[in-house]
Amino acid sequence: MAVPKRKMSRSNTRARRSQWKTTAAPLATCPKCKGDKLSHTACPTCGAYKDRQYAEALRTEHAG
């Protein structure tokens, strides 16, 4: 297994880690209520997934 021969400086470590970026998960449109939802999950607005009703809505349109 490879082992570093010298200590990597803090600035080099942080410069290398600055490339580790995350991206926002793409949202799909619910075919039932036309709201935004994550792919392959039940809609948080209406609770539908693949033409089935799985749960009550976890949040409403006017939740504050």
Protein backbone atom coordinates (compact mmCIF):
# COMPACT_ATOMS: atom_id res chain seq x y z
CA MET A 1 0.00 0.00 0.00
CA ALA A 2 1.34 3.44 -0.89
CA VAL A 3 2.19 5.70 2.01
CA PRO A 4 3.09 9.40 1.67
CA LYS A 5 6.78 10.08 2.22
CA ARG A 6 6.24 13.66 3.41
CA LYS A 7 3.50 15.49 5.26
CA MET A 8 1.09 17.33 2.96
CA SER A 9 0.70 20.96 3.93
CA ARG A 10 -2.64 22.32 5.06
CA SER A 11 -2.95 24.58 2.01
CA ASN A 12 -2.25 21.71 -0.39
CA THR A 13 -4.74 19.49 1.42
CA ARG A 14 -7.43 22.16 1.29
CA ALA A 15 -6.68 22.95 -2.36
CA ARG A 16 -7.13 19.27 -3.22
CA ARG A 17 -10.35 19.00 -1.21
CA SER A 18 -11.81 22.13 -2.81
CA GLN A 19 -12.66 20.00 -5.85
CA TRP A 20 -14.97 17.72 -3.83
CA LYS A 21 -18.23 19.42 -4.72
CA THR A 22 -21.73 18.09 -4.40
CA THR A 23 -24.54 18.71 -6.82
CA ALA A 24 -28.21 19.14 -6.06
CA ALA A 25 -30.35 16.09 -6.76
CA PRO A 26 -32.40 16.50 -9.93
CA LEU A 27 -36.11 16.90 -9.32
CA ALA A 28 -38.78 15.14 -11.34
CA THR A 29 -42.36 16.26 -11.86
CA CYS A 30 -45.13 14.27 -10.19
CA PRO A 31 -47.56 13.06 -12.88
CA LYS A 32 -50.50 13.27 -10.46
CA CYS A 33 -50.16 16.71 -8.86
CA LYS A 34 -47.42 18.22 -11.06
CA GLY A 35 -45.32 19.03 -7.98
CA ASP A 36 -41.57 18.60 -7.67
CA LYS A 37 -40.30 15.34 -6.16
CA LEU A 38 -37.16 13.23 -6.06
CA SER A 39 -36.92 10.46 -8.63
CA HIS A 40 -37.93 6.96 -7.48
CA THR A 41 -39.59 8.25 -4.29
CA ALA A 42 -43.15 9.02 -3.28
CA CYS A 43 -44.30 12.58 -3.88
CA PRO A 44 -44.13 14.61 -0.63
CA THR A 45 -47.12 16.69 -1.74
CA CYS A 46 -49.68 14.01 -2.67
CA GLY A 47 -48.02 10.76 -1.53
CA ALA A 48 -48.34 9.03 -4.91
CA TYR A 49 -45.72 6.76 -6.45
CA LYS A 50 -46.14 4.78 -9.68
CA ASP A 51 -49.92 5.30 -9.85
CA ARG A 52 -50.42 4.19 -6.23
CA GLN A 53 -51.26 6.15 -3.10
CA TYR A 54 -48.70 5.27 -0.45
CA ALA A 55 -49.04 7.85 2.29
CA GLU A 56 -50.78 11.00 3.25
CA ALA A 57 -49.03 14.17 2.24
CA LEU A 58 -46.18 14.99 4.59
CA ARG A 59 -46.53 18.69 3.89
CA THR A 60 -49.19 20.89 2.41
CA GLU A 61 -48.87 23.57 -0.23
CA HIS A 62 -49.27 26.36 2.31
CA ALA A 63 -47.14 24.97 5.14
CA GLY A 64 -45.29 27.72 6.87
